PDB file of N, CA and C in Angstrom:
ATOM      1  N   MET A   1       0.624  -1.638  -0.244  1.00  0.00           N
ATOM      2  CA  MET A   1      -0.039  -0.083   0.116  1.00  0.00           C
ATOM      3  C   MET A   1       0.742   1.181   0.394  1.00  0.00           C
ATOM      4  N   VAL A   2       1.483   1.154   0.649  1.00  0.00           N
ATOM      5  CA  VAL A   2       2.755   2.752   1.138  1.00  0.00           C
ATOM      6  C   VAL A   2       3.788   2.801  -0.421  1.00  0.00           C
ATOM      7  N   THR A   3       3.787   1.770  -0.923  1.00  0.00           N
ATOM      8  CA  THR A   3       4.479   1.298  -1.918  1.00  0.00           C
ATOM      9  C   THR A   3       3.236   2.473  -3.936  1.00  0.00           C
ATOM     10  N   GLU A   4       2.392   1.579  -3.363  1.00  0.00           N
ATOM     11  CA  GLU A   4       1.136   2.685  -4.326  1.00  0.00           C
ATOM     12  C   GLU A   4       1.375   4.275  -3.864  1.00  0.00           C
ATOM     13  N   GLY A   5       0.799   4.669  -2.408  1.00  0.00           N
ATOM     14  CA  GLY A   5       0.808   5.247  -2.243  1.00  0.00           C
ATOM     15  C   GLY A   5       2.260   6.278  -2.656  1.00  0.00           C
ATOM     16  N   LEU A   6       2.956   5.899  -1.941  1.00  0.00           N
ATOM     17  CA  LEU A   6       3.970   6.889  -3.263  1.00  0.00           C
ATOM     18  C   LEU A   6       4.690   7.314  -4.936  1.00  0.00           C
ATOM     19  N   ALA A   7       3.695   6.215  -5.502  1.00  0.00           N
ATOM     20  CA  ALA A   7       3.084   6.160  -7.160  1.00  0.00           C
ATOM     21  C   ALA A   7       2.263   7.208  -6.862  1.00  0.00           C
ATOM     22  N   THR A   8       1.038   8.206  -6.124  1.00  0.00           N
ATOM     23  CA  THR A   8       0.451   8.635  -6.645  1.00  0.00           C
ATOM     24  C   THR A   8       0.731   9.840  -5.751  1.00  0.00           C
ATOM     25  N   ALA A   9       1.982  10.170  -4.726  1.00  0.00           N
ATOM     26  CA  ALA A   9       2.028  11.387  -3.681  1.00  0.00           C
ATOM     27  C   ALA A   9       3.146  11.929  -4.624  1.00  0.00           C
ATOM     28  N   GLU A  10       3.400  10.852  -6.231  1.00  0.00           N
ATOM     29  CA  GLU A  10       5.210  11.677  -6.762  1.00  0.00           C
ATOM     30  C   GLU A  10       5.498  12.771  -6.506  1.00  0.00           C
ATOM     31  N   GLN A  11       3.941  13.779  -6.569  1.00  0.00           N
ATOM     32  CA  GLN A  11       4.543  15.150  -6.772  1.00  0.00           C
ATOM     33  C   GLN A  11       4.554  16.080  -5.475  1.00  0.00           C
ATOM     34  N   SER A  12       3.318  15.026  -4.785  1.00  0.00           N
ATOM     35  CA  SER A  12       3.340  16.465  -3.372  1.00  0.00           C
ATOM     36  C   SER A  12       3.611  16.479  -1.851  1.00  0.00           C
ATOM     37  N   GLY A  13       3.211  16.649  -0.882  1.00  0.00           N
ATOM     38  CA  GLY A  13       3.675  16.562  -0.220  1.00  0.00           C
ATOM     39  C   GLY A  13       4.186  15.600   1.313  1.00  0.00           C
ATOM     40  N   ALA A  14       3.930  14.624   0.428  1.00  0.00           N
ATOM     41  CA  ALA A  14       2.481  13.240   1.189  1.00  0.00           C
ATOM     42  C   ALA A  14       3.941  12.679   1.005  1.00  0.00           C
ATOM     43  N   ARG A  15       4.785  12.776   0.004  1.00  0.00           N
ATOM     44  CA  ARG A  15       6.114  11.239  -0.373  1.00  0.00           C
ATOM     45  C   ARG A  15       7.288  11.638   0.328  1.00  0.00           C
ATOM     46  N   ALA A  16       7.607  12.152   0.980  1.00  0.00           N
ATOM     47  CA  ALA A  16       9.114  12.244   1.869  1.00  0.00           C
ATOM     48  C   ALA A  16       7.608  11.679   3.277  1.00  0.00           C
ATOM     49  N   GLU A  17       6.577  11.656   3.650  1.00  0.00           N
ATOM     50  CA  GLU A  17       6.168  10.749   4.328  1.00  0.00           C
ATOM     51  C   GLU A  17       6.507   9.129   4.484  1.00  0.00           C
ATOM     52  N   LEU A  18       5.649   9.688   3.201  1.00  0.00           N
ATOM     53  CA  LEU A  18       5.230   7.927   2.495  1.00  0.00           C
ATOM     54  C   LEU A  18       6.980   7.180   2.328  1.00  0.00           C
ATOM     55  N   TYR A  19       7.845   7.517   1.828  1.00  0.00           N
ATOM     56  CA  TYR A  19       9.108   6.990   2.136  1.00  0.00           C
ATOM     57  C   TYR A  19       9.857   6.900   3.783  1.00  0.00           C
ATOM     58  N   ARG A  20       9.631   7.911   4.576  1.00  0.00           N
ATOM     59  CA  ARG A  20      10.200   7.735   6.489  1.00  0.00           C
ATOM     60  C   ARG A  20       9.216   6.229   6.411  1.00  0.00           C
ATOM     61  N   VAL A  21       7.896   5.951   6.199  1.00  0.00           N
ATOM     62  CA  VAL A  21       6.804   5.433   6.508  1.00  0.00           C
ATOM     63  C   VAL A  21       7.334   3.661   6.319  1.00  0.00           C
ATOM     64  N   LYS A  22       7.810   3.397   4.859  1.00  0.00           N
ATOM     65  CA  LYS A  22       8.137   2.661   4.701  1.00  0.00           C
ATOM     66  C   LYS A  22       9.421   2.276   4.906  1.00  0.00           C
ATOM     67  N   GLY A  23      10.266   3.109   4.880  1.00  0.00           N
ATOM     68  CA  GLY A  23      11.198   2.794   5.270  1.00  0.00           C
ATOM     69  C   GLY A  23      10.652   2.152   7.271  1.00  0.00           C
ATOM     70  N   ASP A  24      10.074   2.774   7.734  1.00  0.00           N
ATOM     71  CA  ASP A  24      10.269   3.033   9.553  1.00  0.00           C
ATOM     72  C   ASP A  24       9.739   1.126   9.364  1.00  0.00           C
ATOM     73  N   LEU A  25       8.782   0.876   7.869  1.00  0.00           N
ATOM     74  CA  LEU A  25       7.881  -0.296   8.341  1.00  0.00           C
ATOM     75  C   LEU A  25       8.804  -1.608   7.787  1.00  0.00           C
ATOM     76  N   LEU A  26       9.860  -1.427   7.051  1.00  0.00           N
ATOM     77  CA  LEU A  26      10.805  -1.933   5.858  1.00  0.00           C
ATOM     78  C   LEU A  26      11.415  -2.547   7.909  1.00  0.00           C
ATOM     79  N   MET A  27      12.576  -1.773   8.545  1.00  0.00           N
ATOM     80  CA  MET A  27      13.406  -1.613   9.919  1.00  0.00           C
ATOM     81  C   MET A  27      11.792  -2.765  10.333  1.00  0.00           C
ATOM     82  N   ILE A  28      10.910  -2.036  11.083  1.00  0.00           N
ATOM     83  CA  ILE A  28      10.418  -3.199  11.564  1.00  0.00           C
ATOM     84  C   ILE A  28       9.785  -4.872  10.636  1.00  0.00           C
ATOM     85  N   LYS A  29       9.091  -4.672   9.907  1.00  0.00           N
ATOM     86  CA  LYS A  29       9.033  -5.983   8.906  1.00  0.00           C
ATOM     87  C   LYS A  29      10.415  -6.948   8.823  1.00  0.00           C
ATOM     88  N   ASP A  30      11.439  -6.769   8.794  1.00  0.00           N
ATOM     89  CA  ASP A  30      13.082  -7.185   8.153  1.00  0.00           C
ATOM     90  C   ASP A  30      13.781  -6.281   8.299  1.00  0.00           C
ATOM     91  N   PRO A  31      14.724  -6.498  10.076  1.00  0.00           N
ATOM     92  CA  PRO A  31      15.116  -5.970  10.084  1.00  0.00           C
ATOM     93  C   PRO A  31      16.963  -6.608   9.655  1.00  0.00           C
ATOM     94  N   GLY A  32      17.160  -7.350   8.860  1.00  0.00           N
ATOM     95  CA  GLY A  32      18.635  -7.372   8.196  1.00  0.00           C
ATOM     96  C   GLY A  32      18.285  -6.821   6.269  1.00  0.00           C
ATOM     97  N   ASN A  33      17.189  -5.722   6.131  1.00  0.00           N
ATOM     98  CA  ASN A  33      16.904  -5.657   5.533  1.00  0.00           C
ATOM     99  C   ASN A  33      17.553  -4.019   5.653  1.00  0.00           C
ATOM    100  N   ALA A  34      18.236  -4.198   6.440  1.00  0.00           N
ATOM    101  CA  ALA A  34      18.335  -2.029   6.758  1.00  0.00           C
ATOM    102  C   ALA A  34      19.276  -1.430   5.471  1.00  0.00           C
ATOM    103  N   ALA A  35      19.867  -2.104   4.387  1.00  0.00           N
ATOM    104  CA  ALA A  35      19.913  -1.173   3.733  1.00  0.00           C
ATOM    105  C   ALA A  35      18.522  -0.421   2.037  1.00  0.00           C
ATOM    106  N   GLU A  36      17.741  -1.260   2.070  1.00  0.00           N
ATOM    107  CA  GLU A  36      16.969  -0.908   1.791  1.00  0.00           C
ATOM    108  C   GLU A  36      15.708   0.514   2.462  1.00  0.00           C
ATOM    109  N   ALA A  37      15.606  -0.299   3.564  1.00  0.00           N
ATOM    110  CA  ALA A  37      15.395   0.488   4.679  1.00  0.00           C
ATOM    111  C   ALA A  37      16.513   1.758   5.426  1.00  0.00           C
ATOM    112  N   GLU A  38      17.681   2.361   4.969  1.00  0.00           N
ATOM    113  CA  GLU A  38      18.147   1.962   4.565  1.00  0.00           C
ATOM    114  C   GLU A  38      18.178   4.228   3.325  1.00  0.00           C
ATOM    115  N   ARG A  39      17.782   3.423   1.890  1.00  0.00           N
ATOM    116  CA  ARG A  39      17.381   3.640   1.074  1.00  0.00           C
ATOM    117  C   ARG A  39      16.284   4.640   0.836  1.00  0.00           C
ATOM    118  N   CYS A  40      15.281   4.482   1.394  1.00  0.00           N
ATOM    119  CA  CYS A  40      13.986   4.802   1.535  1.00  0.00           C
ATOM    120  C   CYS A  40      13.895   5.650   2.409  1.00  0.00           C
ATOM    121  N   LEU A  41      15.028   6.216   3.544  1.00  0.00           N
ATOM    122  CA  LEU A  41      14.939   7.242   4.572  1.00  0.00           C
ATOM    123  C   LEU A  41      15.859   8.338   4.581  1.00  0.00           C
ATOM    124  N   ARG A  42      17.558   7.876   3.016  1.00  0.00           N
ATOM    125  CA  ARG A  42      17.281   8.660   3.192  1.00  0.00           C
ATOM    126  C   ARG A  42      16.728  10.205   1.391  1.00  0.00           C
ATOM    127  N   THR A  43      15.952   8.747   0.318  1.00  0.00           N
ATOM    128  CA  THR A  43      14.903   9.288  -0.615  1.00  0.00           C
ATOM    129  C   THR A  43      14.051  10.421   0.976  1.00  0.00           C
ATOM    130  N   ALA A  44      13.587  10.010   2.356  1.00  0.00           N
ATOM    131  CA  ALA A  44      12.703  10.768   2.342  1.00  0.00           C
ATOM    132  C   ALA A  44      13.547  11.751   2.595  1.00  0.00           C
ATOM    133  N   THR A  45      14.151  12.016   3.548  1.00  0.00           N
ATOM    134  CA  THR A  45      15.271  13.687   3.698  1.00  0.00           C
ATOM    135  C   THR A  45      15.633  14.851   2.297  1.00  0.00           C
ATOM    136  N   ASP A  46      16.157  14.435   1.640  1.00  0.00           N
ATOM    137  CA  ASP A  46      16.535  14.547   0.056  1.00  0.00           C
ATOM    138  C   ASP A  46      14.571  15.024  -0.297  1.00  0.00           C
ATOM    139  N   VAL A  47      13.684  14.201  -0.695  1.00  0.00           N
ATOM    140  CA  VAL A  47      12.335  15.539  -0.312  1.00  0.00           C
ATOM    141  C   VAL A  47      11.688  16.260   0.361  1.00  0.00           C
ATOM    142  N   ALA A  48      11.639  15.624   1.176  1.00  0.00           N
ATOM    143  CA  ALA A  48      12.173  16.779   2.095  1.00  0.00           C
ATOM    144  C   ALA A  48      12.611  18.246   2.408  1.00  0.00           C
ATOM    145  N   CYS A  49      13.811  17.804   1.740  1.00  0.00           N
ATOM    146  CA  CYS A  49      14.533  18.856   1.988  1.00  0.00           C
ATOM    147  C   CYS A  49      14.541  20.349   0.264  1.00  0.00           C
ATOM    148  N   ARG A  50      14.228  19.188  -0.559  1.00  0.00           N
ATOM    149  CA  ARG A  50      13.861  19.832  -1.723  1.00  0.00           C
ATOM    150  C   ARG A  50      12.581  20.944  -1.507  1.00  0.00           C
ATOM    151  N   GLN A  51      11.873  19.673  -0.954  1.00  0.00           N
ATOM    152  CA  GLN A  51      10.443  20.412  -1.094  1.00  0.00           C
ATOM    153  C   GLN A  51      10.392  21.816  -0.250  1.00  0.00           C
ATOM    154  N   GLY A  52      11.186  22.221   0.908  1.00  0.00           N
ATOM    155  CA  GLY A  52      11.377  22.557   1.959  1.00  0.00           C
ATOM    156  C   GLY A  52      10.367  22.157   3.692  1.00  0.00           C
ATOM    157  N   ALA A  53       9.902  21.075   3.240  1.00  0.00           N
ATOM    158  CA  ALA A  53       8.876  20.621   4.245  1.00  0.00           C
ATOM    159  C   ALA A  53      10.601  20.593   5.359  1.00  0.00           C
ATOM    160  N   LYS A  54      10.756  21.348   6.230  1.00  0.00           N
ATOM    161  CA  LYS A  54      11.885  21.104   7.664  1.00  0.00           C
ATOM    162  C   LYS A  54      11.137  20.297   8.321  1.00  0.00           C
ATOM    163  N   PHE A  55       9.027  19.948   8.681  1.00  0.00           N
ATOM    164  CA  PHE A  55       9.411  18.551   9.426  1.00  0.00           C
ATOM    165  C   PHE A  55       8.933  17.922   9.379  1.00  0.00           C
ATOM    166  N   PHE A  56       9.133  16.861   7.753  1.00  0.00           N
ATOM    167  CA  PHE A  56       9.609  15.621   7.691  1.00  0.00           C
ATOM    168  C   PHE A  56      10.726  16.302   8.127  1.00  0.00           C
ATOM    169  N   GLU A  57      11.957  16.542   7.410  1.00  0.00           N
ATOM    170  CA  GLU A  57      12.706  16.065   7.053  1.00  0.00           C
ATOM    171  C   GLU A  57      13.599  16.028   8.379  1.00  0.00           C
ATOM    172  N   LEU A  58      12.542  17.169   9.023  1.00  0.00           N
ATOM    173  CA  LEU A  58      12.938  16.135  10.977  1.00  0.00           C
ATOM    174  C   LEU A  58      12.411  14.877  11.546  1.00  0.00           C
ATOM    175  N   ARG A  59      11.315  15.034  10.747  1.00  0.00           N
ATOM    176  CA  ARG A  59      11.132  12.966  10.451  1.00  0.00           C
ATOM    177  C   ARG A  59      12.054  11.596   9.988  1.00  0.00           C
ATOM    178  N   ALA A  60      12.195  12.119   9.353  1.00  0.00           N
ATOM    179  CA  ALA A  60      12.879  11.246   8.206  1.00  0.00           C
ATOM    180  C   ALA A  60      14.213  10.811   8.820  1.00  0.00           C
ATOM    181  N   THR A  61      15.352  12.084   9.446  1.00  0.00           N
ATOM    182  CA  THR A  61      16.109  11.953  10.055  1.00  0.00           C
ATOM    183  C   THR A  61      16.476  11.293  11.020  1.00  0.00           C
ATOM    184  N   VAL A  62      15.320  11.436  11.927  1.00  0.00           N
ATOM    185  CA  VAL A  62      15.120  11.348  13.008  1.00  0.00           C
ATOM    186  C   VAL A  62      15.333   9.828  13.128  1.00  0.00           C
ATOM    187  N   SER A  63      14.531   9.225  11.538  1.00  0.00           N
ATOM    188  CA  SER A  63      13.906   6.993  11.620  1.00  0.00           C
ATOM    189  C   SER A  63      15.799   7.280  11.136  1.00  0.00           C
ATOM    190  N   LEU A  64      16.257   7.869  10.926  1.00  0.00           N
ATOM    191  CA  LEU A  64      17.616   7.589   9.880  1.00  0.00           C
ATOM    192  C   LEU A  64      18.142   7.264  10.937  1.00  0.00           C
ATOM    193  N   ALA A  65      18.377   8.459  11.441  1.00  0.00           N
ATOM    194  CA  ALA A  65      19.473   7.903  12.746  1.00  0.00           C
ATOM    195  C   ALA A  65      19.221   6.933  13.720  1.00  0.00           C
ATOM    196  N   ARG A  66      18.345   7.500  14.319  1.00  0.00           N
ATOM    197  CA  ARG A  66      18.696   5.289  14.674  1.00  0.00           C
ATOM    198  C   ARG A  66      18.122   4.209  14.059  1.00  0.00           C
ATOM    199  N   LEU A  67      18.847   4.000  12.404  1.00  0.00           N
ATOM    200  CA  LEU A  67      18.751   2.918  12.088  1.00  0.00           C
ATOM    201  C   LEU A  67      20.919   3.250  12.112  1.00  0.00           C
ATOM    202  N   LEU A  68      21.068   4.874  11.684  1.00  0.00           N
ATOM    203  CA  LEU A  68      22.640   4.138  12.043  1.00  0.00           C
ATOM    204  C   LEU A  68      22.215   3.798  13.519  1.00  0.00           C
ATOM    205  N   LYS A  69      21.858   4.468  14.506  1.00  0.00           N
ATOM    206  CA  LYS A  69      22.734   3.325  15.825  1.00  0.00           C
ATOM    207  C   LYS A  69      23.364   3.108  15.731  1.00  0.00           C
ATOM    208  N   ARG A  70      21.421   1.612  15.763  1.00  0.00           N
ATOM    209  CA  ARG A  70      21.674   0.144  15.272  1.00  0.00           C
ATOM    210  C   ARG A  70      22.979  -0.682  14.660  1.00  0.00           C
ATOM    211  N   GLU A  71      22.951  -0.001  13.999  1.00  0.00           N
ATOM    212  CA  GLU A  71      24.529  -0.208  12.139  1.00  0.00           C
ATOM    213  C   GLU A  71      25.451   0.167  13.203  1.00  0.00           C
ATOM    214  N   GLY A  72      25.681   1.009  14.907  1.00  0.00           N
ATOM    215  CA  GLY A  72      26.856   1.587  14.977  1.00  0.00           C
ATOM    216  C   GLY A  72      27.465   2.913  14.693  1.00  0.00           C
ATOM    217  N   LYS A  73      26.485   3.146  13.105  1.00  0.00           N
ATOM    218  CA  LYS A  73      27.521   4.275  13.035  1.00  0.00           C
ATOM    219  C   LYS A  73      26.888   6.886  13.375  1.00  0.00           C
ATOM    220  N   MET A  74      27.040   6.043  14.791  1.00  0.00           N
ATOM    221  CA  MET A  74      26.763   7.031  15.872  1.00  0.00           C
ATOM    222  C   MET A  74      27.427   8.689  15.512  1.00  0.00           C
ATOM    223  N   GLU A  75      28.565   8.138  15.150  1.00  0.00           N
ATOM    224  CA  GLU A  75      29.655   9.839  14.698  1.00  0.00           C
ATOM    225  C   GLU A  75      27.622  10.364  13.829  1.00  0.00           C
ATOM    226  N   GLU A  76      27.957   9.524  12.176  1.00  0.00           N
ATOM    227  CA  GLU A  76      27.000  10.271  11.204  1.00  0.00           C
ATOM    228  C   GLU A  76      25.419  10.321  11.896  1.00  0.00           C
ATOM    229  N   ALA A  77      25.048   9.411  12.062  1.00  0.00           N
ATOM    230  CA  ALA A  77      23.770   9.726  12.771  1.00  0.00           C
ATOM    231  C   ALA A  77      23.511  11.062  13.805  1.00  0.00           C
ATOM    232  N   ALA A  78      24.920  11.569  14.884  1.00  0.00           N
ATOM    233  CA  ALA A  78      24.483  12.960  15.091  1.00  0.00           C
ATOM    234  C   ALA A  78      25.119  13.817  14.157  1.00  0.00           C
ATOM    235  N   GLN A  79      26.087  13.043  13.411  1.00  0.00           N
ATOM    236  CA  GLN A  79      25.524  14.571  13.040  1.00  0.00           C
ATOM    237  C   GLN A  79      24.641  15.303  12.058  1.00  0.00           C
ATOM    238  N   MET A  80      24.275  14.682  11.546  1.00  0.00           N
ATOM    239  CA  MET A  80      22.822  14.354  10.699  1.00  0.00           C
ATOM    240  C   MET A  80      21.935  15.604  11.394  1.00  0.00           C
ATOM    241  N   LEU A  81      21.745  14.847  12.759  1.00  0.00           N
ATOM    242  CA  LEU A  81      20.707  15.173  13.233  1.00  0.00           C
ATOM    243  C   LEU A  81      20.498  16.901  13.720  1.00  0.00           C
ATOM    244  N   ALA A  82      22.244  16.144  14.535  1.00  0.00           N
ATOM    245  CA  ALA A  82      22.153  18.369  14.826  1.00  0.00           C
ATOM    246  C   ALA A  82      22.555  18.929  14.217  1.00  0.00           C
ATOM    247  N   GLU A  83      22.532  18.904  12.546  1.00  0.00           N
ATOM    248  CA  GLU A  83      21.743  19.018  11.593  1.00  0.00           C
ATOM    249  C   GLU A  83      20.868  20.697  11.383  1.00  0.00           C
ATOM    250  N   ILE A  84      19.351  19.369  11.076  1.00  0.00           N
ATOM    251  CA  ILE A  84      18.548  19.531  10.849  1.00  0.00           C
ATOM    252  C   ILE A  84      18.056  20.326  12.335  1.00  0.00           C
ATOM    253  N   TYR A  85      18.568  19.371  13.824  1.00  0.00           N
ATOM    254  CA  TYR A  85      17.417  20.288  14.866  1.00  0.00           C
ATOM    255  C   TYR A  85      17.997  21.873  14.370  1.00  0.00           C
ATOM    256  N   ALA A  86      18.913  22.069  14.683  1.00  0.00           N
ATOM    257  CA  ALA A  86      19.877  23.142  15.143  1.00  0.00           C
ATOM    258  C   ALA A  86      19.480  24.170  14.376  1.00  0.00           C
ATOM    259  N   ARG A  87      18.351  24.445  12.382  1.00  0.00           N
ATOM    260  CA  ARG A  87      17.165  24.896  12.398  1.00  0.00           C
ATOM    261  C   ARG A  87      16.552  25.110  12.257  1.00  0.00           C
ATOM    262  N   PHE A  88      15.214  24.327  14.040  1.00  0.00           N
ATOM    263  CA  PHE A  88      14.984  24.690  14.151  1.00  0.00           C
ATOM    264  C   PHE A  88      15.379  26.555  15.184  1.00  0.00           C
ATOM    265  N   THR A  89      13.758  27.418  14.462  1.00  0.00           N
ATOM    266  CA  THR A  89      14.085  28.544  15.745  1.00  0.00           C
ATOM    267  C   THR A  89      13.308  28.623  17.428  1.00  0.00           C
ATOM    268  N   GLU A  90      12.228  26.959  17.228  1.00  0.00           N
ATOM    269  CA  GLU A  90      11.073  27.351  18.073  1.00  0.00           C
ATOM    270  C   GLU A  90       9.647  25.820  17.597  1.00  0.00           C
ATOM    271  N   GLY A  91       8.770  25.706  18.909  1.00  0.00           N
ATOM    272  CA  GLY A  91       8.226  24.244  18.570  1.00  0.00           C
ATOM    273  C   GLY A  91       8.939  23.230  19.454  1.00  0.00           C
ATOM    274  N   PHE A  92      10.129  23.880  19.917  1.00  0.00           N
ATOM    275  CA  PHE A  92      10.749  23.474  21.336  1.00  0.00           C
ATOM    276  C   PHE A  92      10.178  21.579  22.760  1.00  0.00           C
ATOM    277  N   ASP A  93       8.656  22.317  22.326  1.00  0.00           N
ATOM    278  CA  ASP A  93       7.797  21.557  23.144  1.00  0.00           C
ATOM    279  C   ASP A  93       7.397  20.665  22.458  1.00  0.00           C
ATOM    280  N   THR A  94       7.268  20.650  21.014  1.00  0.00           N
ATOM    281  CA  THR A  94       6.232  18.958  20.135  1.00  0.00           C
ATOM    282  C   THR A  94       6.778  18.222  20.705  1.00  0.00           C
ATOM    283  N   ALA A  95       6.085  17.298  20.211  1.00  0.00           N
ATOM    284  CA  ALA A  95       6.916  15.368  20.625  1.00  0.00           C
ATOM    285  C   ALA A  95       8.211  14.942  19.573  1.00  0.00           C
ATOM    286  N   GLU A  96       8.414  16.065  18.188  1.00  0.00           N
ATOM    287  CA  GLU A  96       9.428  15.506  17.211  1.00  0.00           C
ATOM    288  C   GLU A  96      10.199  16.696  17.756  1.00  0.00           C
ATOM    289  N   LEU A  97      10.406  17.352  18.376  1.00  0.00           N
ATOM    290  CA  LEU A  97      11.556  17.681  18.374  1.00  0.00           C
ATOM    291  C   LEU A  97      12.433  17.193  19.664  1.00  0.00           C
ATOM    292  N   LYS A  98      11.521  17.122  20.661  1.00  0.00           N
ATOM    293  CA  LYS A  98      10.712  17.084  22.081  1.00  0.00           C
ATOM    294  C   LYS A  98      12.186  15.144  21.615  1.00  0.00           C
ATOM    295  N   ASP A  99      11.382  14.478  20.881  1.00  0.00           N
ATOM    296  CA  ASP A  99      12.371  12.928  20.793  1.00  0.00           C
ATOM    297  C   ASP A  99      13.613  13.182  19.398  1.00  0.00           C
ATOM    298  N   ALA A 100      13.489  13.920  18.317  1.00  0.00           N
ATOM    299  CA  ALA A 100      15.023  13.895  18.720  1.00  0.00           C
ATOM    300  C   ALA A 100      16.001  15.371  19.472  1.00  0.00           C
ATOM    301  N   LYS A 101      15.699  15.657  19.440  1.00  0.00           N
ATOM    302  CA  LYS A 101      16.661  16.487  21.382  1.00  0.00           C
ATOM    303  C   LYS A 101      17.223  14.372  22.289  1.00  0.00           C
ATOM    304  N   ALA A 102      15.816  14.374  22.346  1.00  0.00           N
ATOM    305  CA  ALA A 102      16.196  13.102  23.663  1.00  0.00           C
ATOM    306  C   ALA A 102      17.326  11.587  22.165  1.00  0.00           C
ATOM    307  N   LEU A 103      16.946  11.527  21.111  1.00  0.00           N
ATOM    308  CA  LEU A 103      17.868  11.298  20.260  1.00  0.00           C
ATOM    309  C   LEU A 103      19.376  11.552  20.749  1.00  0.00           C
ATOM    310  N   LEU A 104      19.027  12.249  20.076  1.00  0.00           N
ATOM    311  CA  LEU A 104      21.070  13.575  20.049  1.00  0.00           C
ATOM    312  C   LEU A 104      21.386  13.059  21.090  1.00  0.00           C
ATOM    313  N   ASP A 105      21.483  13.295  21.565  1.00  0.00           N
ATOM    314  CA  ASP A 105      21.582  13.730  23.860  1.00  0.00           C
ATOM    315  C   ASP A 105      22.389  12.574  23.708  1.00  0.00           C
ATOM    316  N   GLU A 106      21.617  10.977  23.321  1.00  0.00           N
ATOM    317  CA  GLU A 106      21.668   9.470  23.853  1.00  0.00           C
ATOM    318  C   GLU A 106      23.173   9.446  22.203  1.00  0.00           C
ATOM    319  N   LEU A 107      23.601  10.688  21.122  1.00  0.00           N
ATOM    320  CA  LEU A 107      23.674  10.233  20.572  1.00  0.00           C
ATOM    321  C   LEU A 107      24.658  10.648  20.799  1.00  0.00           C
ATOM    322  N   THR A 108      25.249  11.936  21.085  1.00  0.00           N
ATOM    323  CA  THR A 108      26.441  12.595  21.770  1.00  0.00           C
ATOM    324  C   THR A 108      27.087  12.688  22.994  1.00  0.00           C
ATOM    325  N   ALA A 109      26.782  11.217  24.444  1.00  0.00           N
ATOM    326  CA  ALA A 109      26.999  10.548  25.253  1.00  0.00           C
ATOM    327  C   ALA A 109      27.851  10.491  25.744  1.00  0.00           C
TER     328      ALA A 109
END
């Protein structure tokens, strides 16, 4: 269903979020297929960035950082997450930014 949604949402703001969901689902369904999950999550961050959808870029980056953390790539995960987190100037009381900050703190501890 997500793949069908991606085809439909090719030009909409939902495209990045659908790639993120697909990547998250792949991590749950088939943890051994981290490469495909990572590809989806990197696509999600790229699409969101090109669309100027900072919120969706944050969500995709958090998911990607979690995957990279699981693979032991702590520095890469921390750097990516720190870069997107630093671009926010408000909304720090939202669940998404709180989640990003908690993960960033884990990665840099």
